[in-house]
C-alpha cells in the first residue's frame, strides 16, 4: 500500500486580499459560534503578520496569539482594535 503524504492546512496561508479576509470573517460570523469568529480573526491577523497587528493595536504579540486562538476569550475592545488594524469594518444588517 502506498503511503499518502499529508500537509497541515492553514487558512492564514490563503488570504491575499482584504476581500478574502472579509469573506472569511463574514462566513465565521454567519456560523454564529463565538470561538470560531475569534479563531477566524486570529487566522486573518496571522496572515497580515501578528507583529504588525500588535504594533497597530498597541497590544502585545503574545497576548494577541493567545486571545485570538480557538481557546481565546478576547474583550470586545480587542476585537474592534484588531478588525480596524486589518483594514476591515464590522457591519450590522437585518436578518
N, C-alpha and C. Protein backbone atom coordinates (compact mmCIF):
# COMPACT_ATOMS: atom_id res chain seq x y z
N UNK A 1 0.83 -1.18 0.00
CA UNK A 1 0.00 0.00 0.00
C UNK A 1 0.89 1.25 0.00
N UNK A 2 0.55 2.21 -0.81
CA UNK A 2 1.29 3.45 -0.92
C UNK A 2 0.94 4.38 0.23
N UNK A 3 1.96 4.98 0.82
CA UNK A 3 1.72 5.95 1.88
C UNK A 3 1.29 7.27 1.27
N UNK A 4 0.33 7.88 1.90
CA UNK A 4 -0.16 9.18 1.44
C UNK A 4 0.50 10.27 2.28
N UNK A 5 1.08 11.22 1.61
CA UNK A 5 1.72 12.35 2.29
C UNK A 5 0.68 13.44 2.49
N UNK A 6 0.51 13.88 3.72
CA UNK A 6 -0.43 14.97 4.01
C UNK A 6 0.34 16.16 4.56
N UNK A 7 -0.26 17.32 4.43
CA UNK A 7 0.34 18.56 4.92
C UNK A 7 -0.72 19.32 5.70
N UNK A 8 -0.31 20.01 6.76
CA UNK A 8 -1.28 20.81 7.51
C UNK A 8 -1.81 21.96 6.66
N UNK A 9 -3.10 22.23 6.80
CA UNK A 9 -3.71 23.33 6.06
C UNK A 9 -3.89 24.49 7.02
N UNK A 10 -3.49 25.67 6.60
CA UNK A 10 -3.61 26.87 7.43
C UNK A 10 -4.31 27.94 6.62
N UNK A 11 -5.46 28.37 7.10
CA UNK A 11 -6.24 29.39 6.40
C UNK A 11 -5.44 30.67 6.18
N UNK A 12 -4.54 30.98 7.11
CA UNK A 12 -3.74 32.20 7.00
C UNK A 12 -2.88 32.22 5.74
N UNK A 13 -2.55 31.05 5.22
CA UNK A 13 -1.73 30.97 4.01
C UNK A 13 -2.52 31.28 2.74
N UNK A 14 -3.82 31.41 2.84
CA UNK A 14 -4.66 31.54 1.65
C UNK A 14 -5.41 32.87 1.57
N UNK A 15 -5.06 33.82 2.41
CA UNK A 15 -5.71 35.12 2.38
C UNK A 15 -4.76 36.15 1.80
N UNK A 16 -5.09 36.60 0.61
CA UNK A 16 -4.19 37.52 -0.09
C UNK A 16 -4.74 38.93 -0.18
N UNK A 17 -6.06 39.09 -0.12
CA UNK A 17 -6.65 40.41 -0.27
C UNK A 17 -7.58 40.70 0.90
N UNK A 18 -7.95 41.94 1.04
CA UNK A 18 -8.94 42.32 2.07
C UNK A 18 -10.28 41.66 1.80
N UNK A 19 -10.61 41.47 0.53
CA UNK A 19 -11.85 40.78 0.20
C UNK A 19 -11.82 39.34 0.69
N UNK A 20 -10.68 38.67 0.56
CA UNK A 20 -10.52 37.31 1.10
C UNK A 20 -10.76 37.31 2.61
N UNK A 21 -10.13 38.27 3.28
CA UNK A 21 -10.25 38.37 4.73
C UNK A 21 -11.68 38.65 5.14
N UNK A 22 -12.32 39.58 4.46
CA UNK A 22 -13.70 39.95 4.79
C UNK A 22 -14.64 38.77 4.57
N UNK A 23 -14.48 38.03 3.49
CA UNK A 23 -15.34 36.89 3.21
C UNK A 23 -15.15 35.80 4.27
N UNK A 24 -13.92 35.57 4.67
CA UNK A 24 -13.63 34.55 5.68
C UNK A 24 -14.26 34.93 7.03
N UNK A 25 -14.09 36.18 7.44
CA UNK A 25 -14.66 36.63 8.70
C UNK A 25 -16.19 36.63 8.63
N UNK A 26 -16.74 37.04 7.51
CA UNK A 26 -18.20 37.05 7.35
C UNK A 26 -18.77 35.63 7.46
N UNK A 27 -18.09 34.66 6.87
CA UNK A 27 -18.55 33.27 6.97
C UNK A 27 -18.52 32.80 8.42
N UNK A 28 -17.49 33.16 9.15
CA UNK A 28 -17.41 32.78 10.56
C UNK A 28 -18.51 33.44 11.37
N UNK A 29 -18.79 34.70 11.08
CA UNK A 29 -19.86 35.41 11.79
C UNK A 29 -21.22 34.79 11.49
N UNK A 30 -21.44 34.37 10.27
CA UNK A 30 -22.71 33.75 9.90
C UNK A 30 -22.92 32.43 10.62
N UNK A 31 -21.82 31.72 10.93
CA UNK A 31 -21.93 30.45 11.65
C UNK A 31 -22.47 30.68 13.06
N UNK A 32 -22.10 31.80 13.67
CA UNK A 32 -22.63 32.16 14.98
C UNK A 32 -21.88 31.62 16.17
N UNK A 33 -20.80 30.87 15.96
CA UNK A 33 -20.01 30.33 17.07
C UNK A 33 -18.94 31.34 17.45
N UNK A 34 -19.01 31.92 18.65
CA UNK A 34 -18.03 32.94 19.05
C UNK A 34 -16.58 32.45 18.97
N UNK A 35 -16.33 31.20 19.34
CA UNK A 35 -14.96 30.67 19.28
C UNK A 35 -14.46 30.62 17.84
N UNK A 36 -15.35 30.29 16.92
CA UNK A 36 -14.96 30.25 15.50
C UNK A 36 -14.66 31.65 14.98
N UNK A 37 -15.44 32.63 15.39
CA UNK A 37 -15.20 34.01 14.97
C UNK A 37 -13.84 34.49 15.47
N UNK A 38 -13.54 34.20 16.73
CA UNK A 38 -12.25 34.61 17.30
C UNK A 38 -11.10 33.91 16.58
N UNK A 39 -11.25 32.61 16.33
CA UNK A 39 -10.20 31.86 15.63
C UNK A 39 -10.01 32.37 14.21
N UNK A 40 -11.10 32.70 13.53
CA UNK A 40 -11.01 33.24 12.17
C UNK A 40 -10.28 34.58 12.18
N UNK A 41 -10.60 35.40 13.17
CA UNK A 41 -9.91 36.69 13.29
C UNK A 41 -8.42 36.46 13.55
N UNK A 42 -8.09 35.44 14.31
CA UNK A 42 -6.69 35.09 14.54
C UNK A 42 -6.00 34.63 13.27
N UNK A 43 -6.70 33.84 12.45
CA UNK A 43 -6.14 33.41 11.17
C UNK A 43 -5.84 34.62 10.28
N UNK A 44 -6.78 35.53 10.25
CA UNK A 44 -6.62 36.72 9.41
C UNK A 44 -5.46 37.57 9.92
N UNK A 45 -5.39 37.74 11.23
CA UNK A 45 -4.30 38.53 11.82
C UNK A 45 -2.94 37.89 11.51
N UNK A 46 -2.86 36.55 11.59
CA UNK A 46 -1.60 35.88 11.27
C UNK A 46 -1.24 36.05 9.79
N UNK A 47 -2.25 36.11 8.94
CA UNK A 47 -1.97 36.29 7.51
C UNK A 47 -1.36 37.66 7.23
N UNK A 48 -1.72 38.65 8.02
CA UNK A 48 -1.16 40.00 7.87
C UNK A 48 0.16 40.15 8.61
N UNK A 49 0.38 39.30 9.60
CA UNK A 49 1.57 39.38 10.42
C UNK A 49 1.20 39.86 11.81
N UNK A 50 1.33 38.99 12.78
CA UNK A 50 0.90 39.33 14.14
C UNK A 50 1.72 40.47 14.73
N UNK A 51 2.98 40.58 14.35
CA UNK A 51 3.80 41.70 14.84
C UNK A 51 3.24 43.02 14.34
N UNK A 52 2.84 43.06 13.07
CA UNK A 52 2.24 44.27 12.50
C UNK A 52 0.93 44.62 13.23
N UNK A 53 0.10 43.61 13.46
CA UNK A 53 -1.19 43.85 14.13
C UNK A 53 -0.95 44.32 15.56
N UNK A 54 0.02 43.72 16.24
CA UNK A 54 0.35 44.13 17.61
C UNK A 54 0.78 45.59 17.64
N UNK A 55 1.60 45.97 16.69
CA UNK A 55 2.08 47.35 16.62
C UNK A 55 0.92 48.31 16.36
N UNK A 56 0.02 47.94 15.44
CA UNK A 56 -1.11 48.80 15.08
C UNK A 56 -2.12 48.94 16.22
N UNK A 57 -2.29 47.89 17.01
CA UNK A 57 -3.29 47.90 18.08
C UNK A 57 -2.73 48.37 19.41
N UNK A 58 -1.41 48.33 19.56
CA UNK A 58 -0.80 48.66 20.83
C UNK A 58 -0.88 47.52 21.84
N UNK A 59 -1.19 46.33 21.36
CA UNK A 59 -1.29 45.15 22.22
C UNK A 59 -0.07 44.27 22.02
N UNK A 60 0.22 43.43 22.97
CA UNK A 60 1.37 42.53 22.88
C UNK A 60 1.12 41.40 21.89
N UNK A 61 2.15 41.04 21.15
CA UNK A 61 2.03 39.99 20.14
C UNK A 61 1.62 38.66 20.77
N UNK A 62 2.27 38.29 21.87
CA UNK A 62 1.96 37.03 22.53
C UNK A 62 0.53 37.01 23.05
N UNK A 63 0.10 38.15 23.62
CA UNK A 63 -1.28 38.20 24.14
C UNK A 63 -2.29 38.13 23.00
N UNK A 64 -1.94 38.67 21.83
CA UNK A 64 -2.83 38.56 20.68
C UNK A 64 -2.94 37.12 20.20
N UNK A 65 -1.81 36.41 20.14
CA UNK A 65 -1.84 35.00 19.76
C UNK A 65 -2.78 34.23 20.69
N UNK A 66 -2.66 34.48 21.98
CA UNK A 66 -3.48 33.78 22.96
C UNK A 66 -4.94 34.18 22.84
N UNK A 67 -5.21 35.47 22.77
CA UNK A 67 -6.59 35.96 22.72
C UNK A 67 -7.31 35.52 21.45
N UNK A 68 -6.57 35.42 20.33
CA UNK A 68 -7.19 35.11 19.05
C UNK A 68 -7.06 33.64 18.66
N UNK A 69 -6.84 32.80 19.64
CA UNK A 69 -6.79 31.35 19.38
C UNK A 69 -8.19 30.77 19.60
N UNK A 70 -8.37 29.51 19.25
CA UNK A 70 -9.67 28.87 19.41
C UNK A 70 -10.08 28.82 20.88
N UNK A 71 -9.09 28.82 21.79
CA UNK A 71 -9.38 28.82 23.22
C UNK A 71 -9.48 30.22 23.80
N UNK A 72 -9.18 31.23 22.99
CA UNK A 72 -9.13 32.60 23.47
C UNK A 72 -10.50 33.17 23.80
N UNK A 73 -10.49 34.20 24.62
CA UNK A 73 -11.71 34.88 25.00
C UNK A 73 -11.40 36.38 25.10
N UNK A 74 -11.17 37.02 23.94
CA UNK A 74 -10.75 38.43 23.96
C UNK A 74 -11.89 39.35 24.34
N UNK A 75 -11.52 40.49 24.88
CA UNK A 75 -12.51 41.54 25.13
C UNK A 75 -12.98 42.08 23.79
N UNK A 76 -14.19 42.61 23.78
CA UNK A 76 -14.73 43.15 22.53
C UNK A 76 -13.87 44.31 22.02
N UNK A 77 -13.30 45.07 22.93
CA UNK A 77 -12.42 46.18 22.53
C UNK A 77 -11.22 45.66 21.74
N UNK A 78 -10.69 44.50 22.14
CA UNK A 78 -9.57 43.89 21.42
C UNK A 78 -10.00 43.50 20.02
N UNK A 79 -11.17 42.90 19.91
CA UNK A 79 -11.69 42.51 18.59
C UNK A 79 -11.82 43.73 17.69
N UNK A 80 -12.38 44.80 18.21
CA UNK A 80 -12.54 46.01 17.40
C UNK A 80 -11.20 46.59 16.97
N UNK A 81 -10.21 46.59 17.87
CA UNK A 81 -8.88 47.09 17.51
C UNK A 81 -8.25 46.25 16.41
N UNK A 82 -8.39 44.94 16.51
CA UNK A 82 -7.80 44.05 15.51
C UNK A 82 -8.51 44.22 14.17
N UNK A 83 -9.82 44.29 14.18
CA UNK A 83 -10.58 44.48 12.94
C UNK A 83 -10.14 45.77 12.26
N UNK A 84 -10.00 46.83 13.03
CA UNK A 84 -9.57 48.12 12.45
C UNK A 84 -8.15 48.02 11.92
N UNK A 85 -7.25 47.38 12.66
CA UNK A 85 -5.86 47.23 12.21
C UNK A 85 -5.77 46.43 10.93
N UNK A 86 -6.73 45.53 10.70
CA UNK A 86 -6.75 44.73 9.48
C UNK A 86 -7.33 45.50 8.30
N UNK A 87 -7.85 46.69 8.56
CA UNK A 87 -8.45 47.48 7.49
C UNK A 87 -9.85 46.98 7.14
N UNK A 88 -10.51 46.37 8.13
CA UNK A 88 -11.87 45.86 7.92
C UNK A 88 -12.84 46.65 8.79
N UNK A 89 -14.13 46.43 8.55
CA UNK A 89 -15.17 47.10 9.32
C UNK A 89 -16.29 46.09 9.58
N UNK A 90 -16.77 46.08 10.80
CA UNK A 90 -17.94 45.24 11.12
C UNK A 90 -19.20 46.04 10.80
N UNK A 91 -20.19 45.34 10.23
CA UNK A 91 -21.47 45.98 9.91
C UNK A 91 -22.60 45.14 10.46
N UNK A 92 -23.69 45.77 10.71
CA UNK A 92 -24.89 45.08 11.16
C UNK A 92 -25.95 45.22 10.09
N UNK A 93 -26.59 44.11 9.74
CA UNK A 93 -27.71 44.12 8.81
C UNK A 93 -28.84 43.30 9.41
N UNK A 94 -30.01 43.57 8.98
CA UNK A 94 -31.15 42.78 9.48
C UNK A 94 -31.16 41.41 8.83
N UNK A 95 -31.74 40.45 9.55
CA UNK A 95 -31.83 39.10 9.01
C UNK A 95 -33.26 38.76 8.66
